[in-house]
């Protein structure tokens, strides 16, 4: 996703960062609402089984599985650069 509006704002200000993050999170929210997600409850909360975790892709195209342990700490597992099958 290209965020071109950031280039038109003054740099290095808290207001600029807040504006940019607000717009980015709004875009993410719209994208999530457009999807049918298994595990999304009626309040809009995404519930992911800890055994399966949540898979994220980093900017360098590396895949990571994120889970949470019983102490509430996030745990990441390197899945490599090949897109995992679902």
PDB file of N, CA and C in Angstrom:
ATOM      1  N   UNK A   1       0.840  -1.166   0.000  1.00  0.00           N
ATOM      2  CA  UNK A   1       0.000   0.000   0.000  1.00  0.00           C
ATOM      3  C   UNK A   1       0.889   1.233   0.000  1.00  0.00           C
ATOM      4  N   UNK A   2       0.707   2.108  -0.951  1.00  0.00           N
ATOM      5  CA  UNK A   2       1.490   3.334  -1.021  1.00  0.00           C
ATOM      6  C   UNK A   2       0.761   4.430  -0.256  1.00  0.00           C
ATOM      7  N   UNK A   3       1.462   5.099   0.627  1.00  0.00           N
ATOM      8  CA  UNK A   3       0.873   6.161   1.443  1.00  0.00           C
ATOM      9  C   UNK A   3       1.472   7.482   0.986  1.00  0.00           C
ATOM     10  N   UNK A   4       0.897   8.038  -0.077  1.00  0.00           N
ATOM     11  CA  UNK A   4       1.485   9.226  -0.701  1.00  0.00           C
ATOM     12  C   UNK A   4       1.225  10.513   0.075  1.00  0.00           C
ATOM     13  N   UNK A   5       0.168  10.553   0.900  1.00  0.00           N
ATOM     14  CA  UNK A   5      -0.152  11.790   1.600  1.00  0.00           C
ATOM     15  C   UNK A   5       0.916  12.178   2.611  1.00  0.00           C
ATOM     16  N   UNK A   6       1.713  11.213   3.076  1.00  0.00           N
ATOM     17  CA  UNK A   6       2.758  11.522   4.067  1.00  0.00           C
ATOM     18  C   UNK A   6       3.800  12.464   3.464  1.00  0.00           C
ATOM     19  N   UNK A   7       4.098  12.318   2.189  1.00  0.00           N
ATOM     20  CA  UNK A   7       5.112  13.152   1.541  1.00  0.00           C
ATOM     21  C   UNK A   7       4.705  14.618   1.475  1.00  0.00           C
ATOM     22  N   UNK A   8       3.426  14.929   1.630  1.00  0.00           N
ATOM     23  CA  UNK A   8       2.942  16.306   1.504  1.00  0.00           C
ATOM     24  C   UNK A   8       2.887  17.020   2.853  1.00  0.00           C
ATOM     25  N   UNK A   9       3.230  16.318   3.931  1.00  0.00           N
ATOM     26  CA  UNK A   9       3.142  16.904   5.263  1.00  0.00           C
ATOM     27  C   UNK A   9       4.528  17.272   5.788  1.00  0.00           C
ATOM     28  N   UNK A  10       4.602  18.229   6.718  1.00  0.00           N
ATOM     29  CA  UNK A  10       5.893  18.544   7.328  1.00  0.00           C
ATOM     30  C   UNK A  10       6.428  17.316   8.061  1.00  0.00           C
ATOM     31  N   UNK A  11       7.721  17.110   7.997  1.00  0.00           N
ATOM     32  CA  UNK A  11       8.316  15.938   8.607  1.00  0.00           C
ATOM     33  C   UNK A  11       8.648  16.175  10.078  1.00  0.00           C
ATOM     34  N   UNK A  12       8.817  15.085  10.815  1.00  0.00           N
ATOM     35  CA  UNK A  12       9.301  15.101  12.191  1.00  0.00           C
ATOM     36  C   UNK A  12       8.408  15.859  13.165  1.00  0.00           C
ATOM     37  N   UNK A  13       7.117  15.748  13.005  1.00  0.00           N
ATOM     38  CA  UNK A  13       6.229  16.347  13.995  1.00  0.00           C
ATOM     39  C   UNK A  13       5.307  15.271  14.536  1.00  0.00           C
ATOM     40  N   UNK A  14       4.931  15.408  15.796  1.00  0.00           N
ATOM     41  CA  UNK A  14       4.007  14.454  16.403  1.00  0.00           C
ATOM     42  C   UNK A  14       2.661  14.462  15.686  1.00  0.00           C
ATOM     43  N   UNK A  15       2.218  15.649  15.264  1.00  0.00           N
ATOM     44  CA  UNK A  15       0.935  15.752  14.567  1.00  0.00           C
ATOM     45  C   UNK A  15       0.981  15.016  13.236  1.00  0.00           C
ATOM     46  N   UNK A  16       2.095  15.107  12.536  1.00  0.00           N
ATOM     47  CA  UNK A  16       2.243  14.411  11.258  1.00  0.00           C
ATOM     48  C   UNK A  16       2.195  12.909  11.467  1.00  0.00           C
ATOM     49  N   UNK A  17       2.900  12.434  12.465  1.00  0.00           N
ATOM     50  CA  UNK A  17       2.916  11.007  12.758  1.00  0.00           C
ATOM     51  C   UNK A  17       1.526  10.533  13.162  1.00  0.00           C
ATOM     52  N   UNK A  18       0.860  11.283  14.022  1.00  0.00           N
ATOM     53  CA  UNK A  18      -0.484  10.901  14.461  1.00  0.00           C
ATOM     54  C   UNK A  18      -1.444  10.866  13.281  1.00  0.00           C
ATOM     55  N   UNK A  19      -1.354  11.856  12.393  1.00  0.00           N
ATOM     56  CA  UNK A  19      -2.218  11.909  11.207  1.00  0.00           C
ATOM     57  C   UNK A  19      -1.957  10.705  10.314  1.00  0.00           C
ATOM     58  N   UNK A  20      -0.686  10.415  10.069  1.00  0.00           N
ATOM     59  CA  UNK A  20      -0.327   9.301   9.200  1.00  0.00           C
ATOM     60  C   UNK A  20      -0.785   7.975   9.782  1.00  0.00           C
ATOM     61  N   UNK A  21      -0.529   7.751  11.067  1.00  0.00           N
ATOM     62  CA  UNK A  21      -0.938   6.505  11.703  1.00  0.00           C
ATOM     63  C   UNK A  21      -2.453   6.356  11.719  1.00  0.00           C
ATOM     64  N   UNK A  22      -3.163   7.439  11.974  1.00  0.00           N
ATOM     65  CA  UNK A  22      -4.614   7.392  11.968  1.00  0.00           C
ATOM     66  C   UNK A  22      -5.133   6.940  10.605  1.00  0.00           C
ATOM     67  N   UNK A  23      -4.577   7.485   9.539  1.00  0.00           N
ATOM     68  CA  UNK A  23      -5.002   7.108   8.196  1.00  0.00           C
ATOM     69  C   UNK A  23      -4.610   5.678   7.853  1.00  0.00           C
ATOM     70  N   UNK A  24      -3.427   5.269   8.267  1.00  0.00           N
ATOM     71  CA  UNK A  24      -2.989   3.897   7.996  1.00  0.00           C
ATOM     72  C   UNK A  24      -3.896   2.912   8.716  1.00  0.00           C
ATOM     73  N   UNK A  25      -4.175   3.160  10.013  1.00  0.00           N
ATOM     74  CA  UNK A  25      -5.039   2.249  10.763  1.00  0.00           C
ATOM     75  C   UNK A  25      -6.462   2.256  10.220  1.00  0.00           C
ATOM     76  N   UNK A  26      -6.927   3.393   9.721  1.00  0.00           N
ATOM     77  CA  UNK A  26      -8.256   3.443   9.114  1.00  0.00           C
ATOM     78  C   UNK A  26      -8.285   2.574   7.861  1.00  0.00           C
ATOM     79  N   UNK A  27      -7.214   2.636   7.053  1.00  0.00           N
ATOM     80  CA  UNK A  27      -7.129   1.791   5.859  1.00  0.00           C
ATOM     81  C   UNK A  27      -7.102   0.315   6.233  1.00  0.00           C
ATOM     82  N   UNK A  28      -6.357  -0.029   7.268  1.00  0.00           N
ATOM     83  CA  UNK A  28      -6.303  -1.422   7.725  1.00  0.00           C
ATOM     84  C   UNK A  28      -7.687  -1.865   8.200  1.00  0.00           C
ATOM     85  N   UNK A  29      -8.359  -1.008   8.939  1.00  0.00           N
ATOM     86  CA  UNK A  29      -9.707  -1.332   9.417  1.00  0.00           C
ATOM     87  C   UNK A  29     -10.672  -1.567   8.275  1.00  0.00           C
ATOM     88  N   UNK A  30     -10.605  -0.735   7.237  1.00  0.00           N
ATOM     89  CA  UNK A  30     -11.476  -0.931   6.069  1.00  0.00           C
ATOM     90  C   UNK A  30     -11.161  -2.240   5.368  1.00  0.00           C
ATOM     91  N   UNK A  31      -9.882  -2.579   5.267  1.00  0.00           N
ATOM     92  CA  UNK A  31      -9.491  -3.835   4.623  1.00  0.00           C
ATOM     93  C   UNK A  31      -9.996  -5.032   5.414  1.00  0.00           C
ATOM     94  N   UNK A  32      -9.877  -4.981   6.730  1.00  0.00           N
ATOM     95  CA  UNK A  32     -10.357  -6.082   7.568  1.00  0.00           C
ATOM     96  C   UNK A  32     -11.873  -6.211   7.458  1.00  0.00           C
ATOM     97  N   UNK A  33     -12.576  -5.087   7.451  1.00  0.00           N
ATOM     98  CA  UNK A  33     -14.029  -5.137   7.343  1.00  0.00           C
ATOM     99  C   UNK A  33     -14.479  -5.699   6.000  1.00  0.00           C
ATOM    100  N   UNK A  34     -13.653  -5.578   4.985  1.00  0.00           N
ATOM    101  CA  UNK A  34     -14.016  -6.075   3.657  1.00  0.00           C
ATOM    102  C   UNK A  34     -13.819  -7.583   3.538  1.00  0.00           C
ATOM    103  N   UNK A  35     -13.154  -8.187   4.486  1.00  0.00           N
ATOM    104  CA  UNK A  35     -12.869  -9.619   4.442  1.00  0.00           C
ATOM    105  C   UNK A  35     -13.822 -10.395   5.331  1.00  0.00           C
ATOM    106  N   UNK A  36     -14.072 -11.634   4.952  1.00  0.00           N
ATOM    107  CA  UNK A  36     -14.747 -12.549   5.866  1.00  0.00           C
ATOM    108  C   UNK A  36     -13.647 -13.265   6.615  1.00  0.00           C
ATOM    109  N   UNK A  37     -13.556 -13.026   7.898  1.00  0.00           N
ATOM    110  CA  UNK A  37     -12.472 -13.601   8.684  1.00  0.00           C
ATOM    111  C   UNK A  37     -13.041 -14.608   9.665  1.00  0.00           C
ATOM    112  N   UNK A  38     -12.576 -15.842   9.574  1.00  0.00           N
ATOM    113  CA  UNK A  38     -12.987 -16.845  10.542  1.00  0.00           C
ATOM    114  C   UNK A  38     -12.356 -16.487  11.877  1.00  0.00           C
ATOM    115  N   UNK A  39     -13.155 -16.469  12.932  1.00  0.00           N
ATOM    116  CA  UNK A  39     -12.646 -16.107  14.245  1.00  0.00           C
ATOM    117  C   UNK A  39     -13.012 -14.689  14.648  1.00  0.00           C
ATOM    118  N   UNK A  40     -13.670 -13.936  13.750  1.00  0.00           N
ATOM    119  CA  UNK A  40     -14.083 -12.576  14.073  1.00  0.00           C
ATOM    120  C   UNK A  40     -15.417 -12.653  14.799  1.00  0.00           C
ATOM    121  N   UNK A  41     -15.468 -12.186  16.047  1.00  0.00           N
ATOM    122  CA  UNK A  41     -16.724 -12.271  16.788  1.00  0.00           C
ATOM    123  C   UNK A  41     -17.597 -11.054  16.492  1.00  0.00           C
ATOM    124  N   UNK A  42     -18.781 -11.024  17.079  1.00  0.00           N
ATOM    125  CA  UNK A  42     -19.759  -9.980  16.763  1.00  0.00           C
ATOM    126  C   UNK A  42     -19.305  -8.588  17.185  1.00  0.00           C
ATOM    127  N   UNK A  43     -18.328  -8.488  18.095  1.00  0.00           N
ATOM    128  CA  UNK A  43     -17.838  -7.174  18.511  1.00  0.00           C
ATOM    129  C   UNK A  43     -16.714  -6.677  17.608  1.00  0.00           C
ATOM    130  N   UNK A  44     -16.304  -7.520  16.636  1.00  0.00           N
ATOM    131  CA  UNK A  44     -15.223  -7.128  15.737  1.00  0.00           C
ATOM    132  C   UNK A  44     -13.862  -7.537  16.230  1.00  0.00           C
ATOM    133  N   UNK A  45     -13.812  -8.351  17.279  1.00  0.00           N
ATOM    134  CA  UNK A  45     -12.541  -8.817  17.832  1.00  0.00           C
ATOM    135  C   UNK A  45     -12.088 -10.058  17.083  1.00  0.00           C
ATOM    136  N   UNK A  46     -10.859 -10.052  16.619  1.00  0.00           N
ATOM    137  CA  UNK A  46     -10.289 -11.205  15.944  1.00  0.00           C
ATOM    138  C   UNK A  46      -9.678 -12.120  16.986  1.00  0.00           C
ATOM    139  N   UNK A  47     -10.148 -13.355  17.019  1.00  0.00           N
ATOM    140  CA  UNK A  47      -9.624 -14.339  17.967  1.00  0.00           C
ATOM    141  C   UNK A  47      -8.865 -15.389  17.179  1.00  0.00           C
ATOM    142  N   UNK A  48      -7.581 -15.531  17.473  1.00  0.00           N
ATOM    143  CA  UNK A  48      -6.719 -16.470  16.775  1.00  0.00           C
ATOM    144  C   UNK A  48      -6.268 -17.535  17.759  1.00  0.00           C
ATOM    145  N   UNK A  49      -6.407 -18.791  17.368  1.00  0.00           N
ATOM    146  CA  UNK A  49      -5.969 -19.908  18.199  1.00  0.00           C
ATOM    147  C   UNK A  49      -4.469 -19.803  18.438  1.00  0.00           C
ATOM    148  N   UNK A  50      -4.039 -19.939  19.682  1.00  0.00           N
ATOM    149  CA  UNK A  50      -2.630 -19.798  20.018  1.00  0.00           C
ATOM    150  C   UNK A  50      -1.763 -20.865  19.360  1.00  0.00           C
ATOM    151  N   UNK A  51      -2.336 -22.048  19.106  1.00  0.00           N
ATOM    152  CA  UNK A  51      -1.560 -23.101  18.445  1.00  0.00           C
ATOM    153  C   UNK A  51      -1.193 -22.724  17.013  1.00  0.00           C
ATOM    154  N   UNK A  52      -2.124 -22.065  16.325  1.00  0.00           N
ATOM    155  CA  UNK A  52      -1.891 -21.686  14.933  1.00  0.00           C
ATOM    156  C   UNK A  52      -1.203 -20.330  14.816  1.00  0.00           C
ATOM    157  N   UNK A  53      -1.548 -19.432  15.682  1.00  0.00           N
ATOM    158  CA  UNK A  53      -0.950 -18.105  15.671  1.00  0.00           C
ATOM    159  C   UNK A  53      -1.411 -17.252  14.505  1.00  0.00           C
ATOM    160  N   UNK A  54      -0.778 -16.131  14.369  1.00  0.00           N
ATOM    161  CA  UNK A  54      -1.051 -15.158  13.330  1.00  0.00           C
ATOM    162  C   UNK A  54       0.211 -15.053  12.480  1.00  0.00           C
ATOM    163  N   UNK A  55       0.071 -15.154  11.163  1.00  0.00           N
ATOM    164  CA  UNK A  55       1.240 -15.076  10.289  1.00  0.00           C
ATOM    165  C   UNK A  55       1.330 -13.664   9.723  1.00  0.00           C
ATOM    166  N   UNK A  56       2.508 -13.058   9.888  1.00  0.00           N
ATOM    167  CA  UNK A  56       2.774 -11.715   9.379  1.00  0.00           C
ATOM    168  C   UNK A  56       3.948 -11.768   8.415  1.00  0.00           C
ATOM    169  N   UNK A  57       3.945 -10.859   7.433  1.00  0.00           N
ATOM    170  CA  UNK A  57       5.068 -10.768   6.501  1.00  0.00           C
ATOM    171  C   UNK A  57       5.812  -9.473   6.774  1.00  0.00           C
ATOM    172  N   UNK A  58       7.120  -9.571   6.938  1.00  0.00           N
ATOM    173  CA  UNK A  58       7.946  -8.394   7.207  1.00  0.00           C
ATOM    174  C   UNK A  58       8.263  -7.676   5.884  1.00  0.00           C
ATOM    175  N   UNK A  59       8.754  -6.438   5.967  1.00  0.00           N
ATOM    176  CA  UNK A  59       9.063  -5.679   4.757  1.00  0.00           C
ATOM    177  C   UNK A  59      10.067  -6.374   3.821  1.00  0.00           C
ATOM    178  N   UNK A  60      10.905  -7.259   4.361  1.00  0.00           N
ATOM    179  CA  UNK A  60      11.874  -7.949   3.500  1.00  0.00           C
ATOM    180  C   UNK A  60      11.335  -9.302   3.003  1.00  0.00           C
ATOM    181  N   UNK A  61       9.981  -9.427   3.002  1.00  0.00           N
ATOM    182  CA  UNK A  61       9.286 -10.623   2.511  1.00  0.00           C
ATOM    183  C   UNK A  61       9.607 -11.886   3.297  1.00  0.00           C
ATOM    184  N   UNK A  62       9.835 -11.742   4.581  1.00  0.00           N
ATOM    185  CA  UNK A  62      10.058 -12.873   5.475  1.00  0.00           C
ATOM    186  C   UNK A  62       8.753 -13.118   6.230  1.00  0.00           C
ATOM    187  N   UNK A  63       8.356 -14.362   6.401  1.00  0.00           N
ATOM    188  CA  UNK A  63       7.122 -14.701   7.103  1.00  0.00           C
ATOM    189  C   UNK A  63       7.422 -15.108   8.539  1.00  0.00           C
ATOM    190  N   UNK A  64       6.560 -14.640   9.447  1.00  0.00           N
ATOM    191  CA  UNK A  64       6.725 -14.893  10.876  1.00  0.00           C
ATOM    192  C   UNK A  64       5.390 -15.340  11.461  1.00  0.00           C
ATOM    193  N   UNK A  65       5.409 -16.360  12.321  1.00  0.00           N
ATOM    194  CA  UNK A  65       4.217 -16.777  13.065  1.00  0.00           C
ATOM    195  C   UNK A  65       4.316 -16.134  14.445  1.00  0.00           C
ATOM    196  N   UNK A  66       3.262 -15.447  14.846  1.00  0.00           N
ATOM    197  CA  UNK A  66       3.221 -14.782  16.140  1.00  0.00           C
ATOM    198  C   UNK A  66       2.178 -15.491  16.997  1.00  0.00           C
ATOM    199  N   UNK A  67       2.593 -15.918  18.181  1.00  0.00           N
ATOM    200  CA  UNK A  67       1.694 -16.547  19.140  1.00  0.00           C
ATOM    201  C   UNK A  67       1.882 -15.874  20.493  1.00  0.00           C
ATOM    202  N   UNK A  68       1.077 -16.266  21.450  1.00  0.00           N
ATOM    203  CA  UNK A  68       1.205 -15.734  22.804  1.00  0.00           C
ATOM    204  C   UNK A  68       1.316 -16.920  23.758  1.00  0.00           C
ATOM    205  N   UNK A  69       2.215 -16.797  24.736  1.00  0.00           N
ATOM    206  CA  UNK A  69       2.359 -17.888  25.706  1.00  0.00           C
ATOM    207  C   UNK A  69       1.460 -17.619  26.911  1.00  0.00           C
ATOM    208  N   UNK A  70       1.459 -18.528  27.881  1.00  0.00           N
ATOM    209  CA  UNK A  70       0.586 -18.405  29.051  1.00  0.00           C
ATOM    210  C   UNK A  70       0.900 -17.198  29.925  1.00  0.00           C
ATOM    211  N   UNK A  71       2.102 -16.638  29.801  1.00  0.00           N
ATOM    212  CA  UNK A  71       2.472 -15.447  30.568  1.00  0.00           C
ATOM    213  C   UNK A  71       2.064 -14.164  29.846  1.00  0.00           C
ATOM    214  N   UNK A  72       1.506 -14.319  28.625  1.00  0.00           N
ATOM    215  CA  UNK A  72       1.085 -13.150  27.859  1.00  0.00           C
ATOM    216  C   UNK A  72       2.175 -12.566  26.991  1.00  0.00           C
ATOM    217  N   UNK A  73       3.323 -13.222  26.915  1.00  0.00           N
ATOM    218  CA  UNK A  73       4.422 -12.734  26.083  1.00  0.00           C
ATOM    219  C   UNK A  73       4.227 -13.190  24.640  1.00  0.00           C
ATOM    220  N   UNK A  74       4.553 -12.304  23.711  1.00  0.00           N
ATOM    221  CA  UNK A  74       4.487 -12.666  22.304  1.00  0.00           C
ATOM    222  C   UNK A  74       5.700 -13.504  21.939  1.00  0.00           C
ATOM    223  N   UNK A  75       5.458 -14.527  21.133  1.00  0.00           N
ATOM    224  CA  UNK A  75       6.514 -15.423  20.691  1.00  0.00           C
ATOM    225  C   UNK A  75       6.490 -15.429  19.169  1.00  0.00           C
ATOM    226  N   UNK A  76       7.650 -15.245  18.533  1.00  0.00           N
ATOM    227  CA  UNK A  76       7.710 -15.265  17.076  1.00  0.00           C
ATOM    228  C   UNK A  76       8.493 -16.479  16.607  1.00  0.00           C
ATOM    229  N   UNK A  77       8.069 -17.013  15.462  1.00  0.00           N
ATOM    230  CA  UNK A  77       8.769 -18.137  14.847  1.00  0.00           C
ATOM    231  C   UNK A  77       9.039 -17.789  13.394  1.00  0.00           C
ATOM    232  N   UNK A  78      10.271 -17.908  12.984  1.00  0.00           N
ATOM    233  CA  UNK A  78      10.695 -17.613  11.617  1.00  0.00           C
ATOM    234  C   UNK A  78      10.184 -18.719  10.687  1.00  0.00           C
ATOM    235  N   UNK A  79       9.387 -18.339   9.682  1.00  0.00           N
ATOM    236  CA  UNK A  79       8.834 -19.301   8.731  1.00  0.00           C
ATOM    237  C   UNK A  79       9.536 -19.247   7.379  1.00  0.00           C
ATOM    238  N   UNK A  80      10.527 -18.383   7.249  1.00  0.00           N
ATOM    239  CA  UNK A  80      11.276 -18.291   5.997  1.00  0.00           C
ATOM    240  C   UNK A  80      10.645 -17.322   5.005  1.00  0.00           C
ATOM    241  N   UNK A  81      11.050 -17.424   3.762  1.00  0.00           N
ATOM    242  CA  UNK A  81      10.589 -16.475   2.732  1.00  0.00           C
ATOM    243  C   UNK A  81       9.561 -17.070   1.785  1.00  0.00           C
ATOM    244  N   UNK A  82       9.208 -18.338   1.967  1.00  0.00           N
ATOM    245  CA  UNK A  82       8.171 -18.966   1.150  1.00  0.00           C
ATOM    246  C   UNK A  82       6.834 -18.795   1.853  1.00  0.00           C
ATOM    247  N   UNK A  83       5.835 -18.317   1.114  1.00  0.00           N
ATOM    248  CA  UNK A  83       4.516 -18.089   1.721  1.00  0.00           C
ATOM    249  C   UNK A  83       3.977 -19.395   2.277  1.00  0.00           C
ATOM    250  N   UNK A  84       3.614 -19.412   3.572  1.00  0.00           N
ATOM    251  CA  UNK A  84       3.097 -20.645   4.181  1.00  0.00           C
ATOM    252  C   UNK A  84       1.741 -21.014   3.582  1.00  0.00           C
ATOM    253  N   UNK A  85       1.475 -22.304   3.466  1.00  0.00           N
ATOM    254  CA  UNK A  85       0.160 -22.739   3.012  1.00  0.00           C
ATOM    255  C   UNK A  85      -0.787 -22.683   4.195  1.00  0.00           C
ATOM    256  N   UNK A  86      -2.028 -22.412   3.918  1.00  0.00           N
ATOM    257  CA  UNK A  86      -3.023 -22.276   4.996  1.00  0.00           C
ATOM    258  C   UNK A  86      -3.785 -23.544   5.210  1.00  0.00           C
TER     259      UNK A  86
END
